[in-house]
Amino acid sequence: MPTAAKLMSAIAMAFLAFIVSEQVKPLLPEDTQFGYFSFANAAFATLFGWKIVGRNVGKGTISSVNNAISGVLAMVIFLLFAHAARIMYYNAIDLRYKSTADALQSVFDMMFEHGWLMMTPTILLTLLGGALFIGLLAEATSRRWS
């Protein structure tokens, strides 16, 4: 059932994902073609804001902040997996792997590499601060429009 808290959580998660995506771009190789990278991440983030953060509001501020941190972490892991799987797919089409196991292993290697690139203070503080803001916003929205 749609609620104002779910909507606000989804919008805030999309905004956070877009900001972090823009922060990640300079860390990747210069020849990377981004296309709709930031917008795709924001679109998937709305689902995590709606389903994870927005669903569990109304149980207190600490609970909402914890749910927001969980939602941001789930979003990051899912997006790392999705982008690594996409790169693996295009590499597999170009016959860069010897076996299926090599292809699957490369997904997790790329997830680790791209996750390691994100371990900068700026990105980590943005994610943590964004999760805190999303949790407080979701709880305040839930109390205001319940």
N, C-alpha and C. Protein backbone atom coordinates (compact mmCIF):
# COMPACT_ATOMS: atom_id res chain seq x y z
N MET A 1 0.83 -1.17 0.00
CA MET A 1 0.00 0.00 0.00
C MET A 1 0.89 1.25 0.00
N PRO A 2 0.66 2.17 -0.90
CA PRO A 2 1.48 3.38 -0.96
C PRO A 2 1.27 4.28 0.25
N THR A 3 2.35 4.76 0.78
CA THR A 3 2.28 5.72 1.87
C THR A 3 3.25 6.86 1.57
N ALA A 4 3.09 7.95 2.28
CA ALA A 4 3.97 9.09 2.09
C ALA A 4 5.40 8.74 2.51
N ALA A 5 5.55 7.92 3.54
CA ALA A 5 6.89 7.54 4.00
C ALA A 5 7.61 6.71 2.95
N LYS A 6 6.88 5.81 2.28
CA LYS A 6 7.49 5.01 1.22
C LYS A 6 7.93 5.90 0.06
N LEU A 7 7.09 6.84 -0.31
CA LEU A 7 7.41 7.75 -1.40
C LEU A 7 8.63 8.60 -1.07
N MET A 8 8.67 9.16 0.11
CA MET A 8 9.81 9.99 0.51
C MET A 8 11.09 9.17 0.61
N SER A 9 10.98 7.94 1.11
CA SER A 9 12.14 7.06 1.19
C SER A 9 12.66 6.74 -0.21
N ALA A 10 11.76 6.46 -1.12
CA ALA A 10 12.16 6.12 -2.49
C ALA A 10 12.84 7.30 -3.17
N ILE A 11 12.28 8.49 -3.02
CA ILE A 11 12.87 9.68 -3.63
C ILE A 11 14.23 9.98 -3.03
N ALA A 12 14.34 9.89 -1.71
CA ALA A 12 15.61 10.18 -1.05
C ALA A 12 16.68 9.15 -1.42
N MET A 13 16.30 7.88 -1.53
CA MET A 13 17.27 6.85 -1.94
C MET A 13 17.73 7.09 -3.37
N ALA A 14 16.82 7.48 -4.25
CA ALA A 14 17.19 7.77 -5.64
C ALA A 14 18.17 8.94 -5.69
N PHE A 15 17.89 9.95 -4.90
CA PHE A 15 18.78 11.11 -4.85
C PHE A 15 20.17 10.72 -4.33
N LEU A 16 20.21 9.92 -3.28
CA LEU A 16 21.48 9.46 -2.73
C LEU A 16 22.26 8.62 -3.75
N ALA A 17 21.57 7.71 -4.43
CA ALA A 17 22.23 6.87 -5.42
C ALA A 17 22.79 7.71 -6.56
N PHE A 18 22.06 8.72 -6.98
CA PHE A 18 22.54 9.59 -8.05
C PHE A 18 23.79 10.34 -7.62
N ILE A 19 23.78 10.88 -6.41
CA ILE A 19 24.95 11.62 -5.91
C ILE A 19 26.17 10.71 -5.81
N VAL A 20 26.00 9.53 -5.24
CA VAL A 20 27.13 8.60 -5.09
C VAL A 20 27.62 8.13 -6.46
N SER A 21 26.71 7.92 -7.39
CA SER A 21 27.11 7.51 -8.74
C SER A 21 27.99 8.58 -9.38
N GLU A 22 27.62 9.83 -9.19
CA GLU A 22 28.44 10.92 -9.73
C GLU A 22 29.80 10.99 -9.02
N GLN A 23 29.86 10.63 -7.75
CA GLN A 23 31.13 10.62 -7.03
C GLN A 23 32.02 9.46 -7.47
N VAL A 24 31.41 8.37 -7.91
CA VAL A 24 32.18 7.19 -8.32
C VAL A 24 32.78 7.38 -9.72
N LYS A 25 32.14 8.11 -10.58
CA LYS A 25 32.58 8.25 -11.97
C LYS A 25 34.04 8.65 -12.12
N PRO A 26 34.55 9.64 -11.38
CA PRO A 26 35.96 10.00 -11.56
C PRO A 26 36.94 8.91 -11.11
N LEU A 27 36.48 7.96 -10.32
CA LEU A 27 37.36 6.90 -9.82
C LEU A 27 37.53 5.77 -10.82
N LEU A 28 36.65 5.67 -11.80
CA LEU A 28 36.71 4.61 -12.80
C LEU A 28 37.62 5.04 -13.94
N PRO A 29 38.07 4.08 -14.76
CA PRO A 29 38.97 4.43 -15.88
C PRO A 29 38.36 5.48 -16.81
N GLU A 30 39.24 6.27 -17.43
CA GLU A 30 38.78 7.38 -18.26
C GLU A 30 37.99 6.93 -19.48
N ASP A 31 38.27 5.75 -20.00
CA ASP A 31 37.59 5.30 -21.22
C ASP A 31 36.24 4.64 -20.93
N THR A 32 35.78 4.68 -19.69
CA THR A 32 34.51 4.07 -19.32
C THR A 32 33.36 4.86 -19.94
N GLN A 33 32.47 4.13 -20.62
CA GLN A 33 31.26 4.74 -21.17
C GLN A 33 30.14 4.58 -20.14
N PHE A 34 29.67 5.67 -19.58
CA PHE A 34 28.71 5.59 -18.49
C PHE A 34 27.26 5.50 -18.95
N GLY A 35 26.92 6.14 -20.02
CA GLY A 35 25.54 6.07 -20.50
C GLY A 35 24.57 6.56 -19.44
N TYR A 36 23.63 5.71 -19.07
CA TYR A 36 22.62 6.04 -18.07
C TYR A 36 22.99 5.53 -16.68
N PHE A 37 24.27 5.44 -16.38
CA PHE A 37 24.77 4.87 -15.13
C PHE A 37 24.08 5.48 -13.91
N SER A 38 24.12 6.79 -13.78
CA SER A 38 23.56 7.45 -12.59
C SER A 38 22.04 7.31 -12.53
N PHE A 39 21.39 7.41 -13.68
CA PHE A 39 19.94 7.31 -13.71
C PHE A 39 19.47 5.88 -13.44
N ALA A 40 20.19 4.90 -13.96
CA ALA A 40 19.84 3.50 -13.69
C ALA A 40 20.01 3.18 -12.21
N ASN A 41 21.09 3.66 -11.62
CA ASN A 41 21.29 3.44 -10.19
C ASN A 41 20.18 4.10 -9.37
N ALA A 42 19.79 5.29 -9.77
CA ALA A 42 18.71 5.98 -9.06
C ALA A 42 17.39 5.23 -9.20
N ALA A 43 17.14 4.67 -10.38
CA ALA A 43 15.90 3.93 -10.58
C ALA A 43 15.85 2.68 -9.70
N PHE A 44 16.96 1.95 -9.63
CA PHE A 44 16.97 0.77 -8.76
C PHE A 44 16.90 1.18 -7.29
N ALA A 45 17.49 2.31 -6.95
CA ALA A 45 17.48 2.77 -5.55
C ALA A 45 16.07 3.09 -5.08
N THR A 46 15.21 3.54 -5.99
CA THR A 46 13.83 3.82 -5.58
C THR A 46 13.15 2.56 -5.06
N LEU A 47 13.47 1.42 -5.68
CA LEU A 47 12.88 0.16 -5.22
C LEU A 47 13.34 -0.18 -3.81
N PHE A 48 14.62 0.04 -3.53
CA PHE A 48 15.13 -0.25 -2.19
C PHE A 48 14.57 0.73 -1.17
N GLY A 49 14.39 1.98 -1.55
CA GLY A 49 13.79 2.95 -0.64
C GLY A 49 12.34 2.60 -0.34
N TRP A 50 11.63 2.15 -1.36
CA TRP A 50 10.21 1.82 -1.19
C TRP A 50 10.03 0.54 -0.40
N LYS A 51 10.76 -0.51 -0.79
CA LYS A 51 10.54 -1.85 -0.23
C LYS A 51 11.23 -2.06 1.12
N ILE A 52 12.42 -1.53 1.31
CA ILE A 52 13.16 -1.81 2.55
C ILE A 52 12.97 -0.71 3.57
N VAL A 53 13.23 0.52 3.18
CA VAL A 53 13.19 1.62 4.15
C VAL A 53 11.74 2.03 4.44
N GLY A 54 10.97 2.27 3.40
CA GLY A 54 9.61 2.76 3.57
C GLY A 54 8.67 1.78 4.24
N ARG A 55 8.94 0.52 4.07
CA ARG A 55 8.06 -0.50 4.65
C ARG A 55 8.19 -0.59 6.16
N ASN A 56 9.33 -0.26 6.69
CA ASN A 56 9.60 -0.48 8.12
C ASN A 56 9.62 0.79 8.95
N VAL A 57 8.89 1.80 8.54
CA VAL A 57 8.87 3.04 9.33
C VAL A 57 7.75 2.99 10.36
N GLY A 58 7.81 3.94 11.28
CA GLY A 58 6.77 4.02 12.30
C GLY A 58 7.08 3.24 13.56
N LYS A 59 8.29 2.71 13.66
CA LYS A 59 8.67 1.91 14.83
C LYS A 59 9.68 2.63 15.71
N GLY A 60 9.91 3.91 15.43
CA GLY A 60 10.87 4.67 16.21
C GLY A 60 12.02 5.17 15.34
N THR A 61 12.67 6.19 15.84
CA THR A 61 13.74 6.82 15.07
C THR A 61 14.93 5.90 14.87
N ILE A 62 15.36 5.24 15.92
CA ILE A 62 16.52 4.35 15.82
C ILE A 62 16.24 3.22 14.84
N SER A 63 15.07 2.66 14.91
CA SER A 63 14.69 1.59 13.99
C SER A 63 14.68 2.07 12.55
N SER A 64 14.19 3.28 12.32
CA SER A 64 14.15 3.82 10.96
C SER A 64 15.55 4.08 10.43
N VAL A 65 16.43 4.59 11.27
CA VAL A 65 17.81 4.83 10.83
C VAL A 65 18.50 3.50 10.55
N ASN A 66 18.29 2.51 11.39
CA ASN A 66 18.87 1.19 11.14
C ASN A 66 18.35 0.59 9.83
N ASN A 67 17.06 0.74 9.58
CA ASN A 67 16.49 0.23 8.33
C ASN A 67 17.05 0.98 7.13
N ALA A 68 17.29 2.27 7.28
CA ALA A 68 17.87 3.04 6.19
C ALA A 68 19.31 2.60 5.91
N ILE A 69 20.07 2.35 6.97
CA ILE A 69 21.45 1.85 6.77
C ILE A 69 21.41 0.49 6.09
N SER A 70 20.50 -0.37 6.50
CA SER A 70 20.35 -1.67 5.85
C SER A 70 19.94 -1.51 4.39
N GLY A 71 19.05 -0.59 4.12
CA GLY A 71 18.61 -0.35 2.75
C GLY A 71 19.72 0.17 1.87
N VAL A 72 20.52 1.08 2.40
CA VAL A 72 21.65 1.62 1.63
C VAL A 72 22.68 0.53 1.37
N LEU A 73 22.96 -0.28 2.37
CA LEU A 73 23.92 -1.38 2.18
C LEU A 73 23.41 -2.39 1.15
N ALA A 74 22.14 -2.74 1.24
CA ALA A 74 21.56 -3.67 0.26
C ALA A 74 21.59 -3.07 -1.14
N MET A 75 21.32 -1.79 -1.25
CA MET A 75 21.36 -1.12 -2.54
C MET A 75 22.76 -1.16 -3.14
N VAL A 76 23.76 -0.84 -2.34
CA VAL A 76 25.14 -0.84 -2.83
C VAL A 76 25.55 -2.23 -3.29
N ILE A 77 25.27 -3.25 -2.49
CA ILE A 77 25.65 -4.62 -2.87
C ILE A 77 24.92 -5.05 -4.14
N PHE A 78 23.63 -4.75 -4.23
CA PHE A 78 22.88 -5.14 -5.42
C PHE A 78 23.41 -4.43 -6.66
N LEU A 79 23.67 -3.12 -6.55
CA LEU A 79 24.16 -2.39 -7.72
C LEU A 79 25.56 -2.82 -8.12
N LEU A 80 26.40 -3.13 -7.15
CA LEU A 80 27.72 -3.68 -7.49
C LEU A 80 27.56 -4.98 -8.26
N PHE A 81 26.66 -5.85 -7.79
CA PHE A 81 26.43 -7.12 -8.47
C PHE A 81 25.85 -6.89 -9.87
N ALA A 82 24.89 -6.01 -9.99
CA ALA A 82 24.24 -5.77 -11.29
C ALA A 82 25.23 -5.23 -12.31
N HIS A 83 26.06 -4.29 -11.92
CA HIS A 83 27.03 -3.73 -12.87
C HIS A 83 28.12 -4.74 -13.20
N ALA A 84 28.55 -5.52 -12.23
CA ALA A 84 29.56 -6.54 -12.51
C ALA A 84 28.99 -7.63 -13.42
N ALA A 85 27.74 -8.00 -13.22
CA ALA A 85 27.11 -9.01 -14.09
C ALA A 85 26.96 -8.47 -15.50
N ARG A 86 26.65 -7.21 -15.64
CA ARG A 86 26.52 -6.60 -16.97
C ARG A 86 27.86 -6.59 -17.69
N ILE A 87 28.93 -6.23 -16.99
CA ILE A 87 30.27 -6.24 -17.60
C ILE A 87 30.66 -7.67 -17.97
N MET A 88 30.36 -8.62 -17.09
CA MET A 88 30.67 -10.01 -17.39
C MET A 88 29.92 -10.49 -18.62
N TYR A 89 28.68 -10.08 -18.77
CA TYR A 89 27.89 -10.47 -19.94
C TYR A 89 28.56 -10.00 -21.24
N TYR A 90 28.96 -8.74 -21.26
CA TYR A 90 29.61 -8.23 -22.48
C TYR A 90 30.98 -8.86 -22.70
N ASN A 91 31.69 -9.15 -21.64
CA ASN A 91 32.97 -9.86 -21.79
C ASN A 91 32.76 -11.29 -22.29
N ALA A 92 31.70 -11.93 -21.84
CA ALA A 92 31.40 -13.29 -22.28
C ALA A 92 31.01 -13.31 -23.76
N ILE A 93 30.30 -12.29 -24.20
CA ILE A 93 29.96 -12.21 -25.62
C ILE A 93 31.22 -12.07 -26.46
N ASP A 94 32.22 -11.38 -25.94
CA ASP A 94 33.50 -11.22 -26.65
C ASP A 94 34.43 -12.41 -26.46
N LEU A 95 33.93 -13.47 -25.83
CA LEU A 95 34.67 -14.72 -25.59
C LEU A 95 35.97 -14.49 -24.81
N ARG A 96 35.89 -13.74 -23.73
CA ARG A 96 37.06 -13.47 -22.90
C ARG A 96 37.24 -14.47 -21.76
N TYR A 97 36.30 -15.40 -21.61
CA TYR A 97 36.39 -16.39 -20.54
C TYR A 97 36.55 -17.78 -21.13
N LYS A 98 37.29 -18.61 -20.39
CA LYS A 98 37.50 -19.99 -20.85
C LYS A 98 36.37 -20.92 -20.42
N SER A 99 35.73 -20.59 -19.31
CA SER A 99 34.65 -21.45 -18.82
C SER A 99 33.61 -20.60 -18.10
N THR A 100 32.50 -21.24 -17.78
CA THR A 100 31.44 -20.58 -17.04
C THR A 100 31.91 -20.19 -15.65
N ALA A 101 32.72 -21.04 -15.05
CA ALA A 101 33.23 -20.75 -13.71
C ALA A 101 34.09 -19.49 -13.72
N ASP A 102 34.90 -19.30 -14.77
CA ASP A 102 35.71 -18.08 -14.88
C ASP A 102 34.82 -16.84 -14.97
N ALA A 103 33.74 -16.96 -15.73
CA ALA A 103 32.83 -15.84 -15.89
C ALA A 103 32.16 -15.50 -14.56
N LEU A 104 31.68 -16.51 -13.85
CA LEU A 104 31.03 -16.25 -12.56
C LEU A 104 32.02 -15.72 -11.53
N GLN A 105 33.23 -16.22 -11.56
CA GLN A 105 34.24 -15.72 -10.64
C GLN A 105 34.58 -14.27 -10.94
N SER A 106 34.55 -13.91 -12.21
CA SER A 106 34.88 -12.52 -12.55
C SER A 106 33.83 -11.55 -12.03
N VAL A 107 32.58 -12.00 -11.90
CA VAL A 107 31.54 -11.13 -11.34
C VAL A 107 31.92 -10.72 -9.92
N PHE A 108 32.31 -11.68 -9.12
CA PHE A 108 32.65 -11.36 -7.72
C PHE A 108 33.98 -10.62 -7.62
N ASP A 109 34.91 -10.90 -8.54
CA ASP A 109 36.15 -10.12 -8.57
C ASP A 109 35.87 -8.66 -8.89
N MET A 110 35.00 -8.43 -9.88
CA MET A 110 34.66 -7.05 -10.24
C MET A 110 33.87 -6.36 -9.14
N MET A 111 33.00 -7.10 -8.46
CA MET A 111 32.28 -6.52 -7.33
C MET A 111 33.26 -6.06 -6.26
N PHE A 112 34.25 -6.89 -5.98
CA PHE A 112 35.25 -6.53 -4.98
C PHE A 112 36.06 -5.32 -5.43
N GLU A 113 36.49 -5.31 -6.70
CA GLU A 113 37.30 -4.19 -7.20
C GLU A 113 36.52 -2.89 -7.17
N HIS A 114 35.28 -2.92 -7.66
CA HIS A 114 34.50 -1.69 -7.67
C HIS A 114 34.09 -1.28 -6.26
N GLY A 115 33.83 -2.24 -5.40
CA GLY A 115 33.55 -1.92 -4.00
C GLY A 115 34.75 -1.30 -3.31
N TRP A 116 35.93 -1.80 -3.64
CA TRP A 116 37.15 -1.25 -3.06
C TRP A 116 37.38 0.18 -3.54
N LEU A 117 37.03 0.47 -4.80
CA LEU A 117 37.15 1.83 -5.31
C LEU A 117 36.25 2.79 -4.54
N MET A 118 35.13 2.29 -4.05
CA MET A 118 34.18 3.13 -3.33
C MET A 118 34.61 3.41 -1.89
N MET A 119 35.65 2.79 -1.43
CA MET A 119 36.09 2.95 -0.05
C MET A 119 36.90 4.23 0.13
N THR A 120 36.33 5.33 -0.28
CA THR A 120 36.96 6.63 -0.03
C THR A 120 36.15 7.33 1.05
N PRO A 121 36.77 8.19 1.82
CA PRO A 121 36.03 8.87 2.89
C PRO A 121 34.83 9.66 2.38
N THR A 122 34.97 10.29 1.23
CA THR A 122 33.87 11.09 0.69
C THR A 122 32.64 10.23 0.41
N ILE A 123 32.85 9.11 -0.27
CA ILE A 123 31.73 8.25 -0.62
C ILE A 123 31.14 7.59 0.61
N LEU A 124 31.99 7.11 1.51
CA LEU A 124 31.48 6.46 2.72
C LEU A 124 30.69 7.43 3.59
N LEU A 125 31.18 8.65 3.73
CA LEU A 125 30.45 9.65 4.52
C LEU A 125 29.15 10.06 3.83
N THR A 126 29.17 10.11 2.51
CA THR A 126 27.93 10.42 1.78
C THR A 126 26.90 9.32 2.00
N LEU A 127 27.33 8.06 1.91
CA LEU A 127 26.41 6.95 2.13
C LEU A 127 25.87 6.93 3.55
N LEU A 128 26.75 7.10 4.52
CA LEU A 128 26.33 7.08 5.92
C LEU A 128 25.44 8.27 6.25
N GLY A 129 25.84 9.46 5.82
CA GLY A 129 25.01 10.64 6.07
C GLY A 129 23.68 10.56 5.34
N GLY A 130 23.70 10.02 4.13
CA GLY A 130 22.46 9.84 3.38
C GLY A 130 21.54 8.85 4.06
N ALA A 131 22.10 7.77 4.57
CA ALA A 131 21.28 6.78 5.28
C ALA A 131 20.66 7.39 6.53
N LEU A 132 21.43 8.17 7.25
CA LEU A 132 20.92 8.84 8.44
C LEU A 132 19.78 9.79 8.07
N PHE A 133 19.99 10.58 7.02
CA PHE A 133 18.97 11.52 6.57
C PHE A 133 17.71 10.79 6.10
N ILE A 134 17.89 9.71 5.35
CA ILE A 134 16.74 8.96 4.84
C ILE A 134 15.94 8.36 5.99
N GLY A 135 16.62 7.81 6.98
CA GLY A 135 15.92 7.23 8.13
C GLY A 135 15.13 8.28 8.90
N LEU A 136 15.76 9.43 9.14
CA LEU A 136 15.06 10.49 9.87
C LEU A 136 13.91 11.06 9.05
N LEU A 137 14.12 11.22 7.75
CA LEU A 137 13.06 11.73 6.88
C LEU A 137 11.88 10.76 6.82
N ALA A 138 12.17 9.48 6.70
CA ALA A 138 11.10 8.48 6.63
C ALA A 138 10.30 8.46 7.92
N GLU A 139 10.97 8.53 9.05
CA GLU A 139 10.25 8.51 10.33
C GLU A 139 9.44 9.78 10.53
N ALA A 140 10.02 10.92 10.18
CA ALA A 140 9.29 12.18 10.31
C ALA A 140 8.07 12.21 9.39
N THR A 141 8.23 11.69 8.18
CA THR A 141 7.11 11.63 7.24
C THR A 141 6.03 10.70 7.76
N SER A 142 6.45 9.58 8.33
CA SER A 142 5.49 8.63 8.87
C SER A 142 4.69 9.25 10.00
N ARG A 143 5.34 10.02 10.85
CA ARG A 143 4.64 10.65 11.98
C ARG A 143 3.75 11.79 11.50
N ARG A 144 4.18 12.50 10.50
CA ARG A 144 3.43 13.66 10.02
C ARG A 144 2.17 13.24 9.26
N TRP A 145 2.31 12.21 8.39
CA TRP A 145 1.20 11.83 7.53
C TRP A 145 0.70 10.42 7.82
N SER A 146 0.52 10.11 9.06
CA SER A 146 0.00 8.76 9.39
C SER A 146 -1.46 8.80 9.77
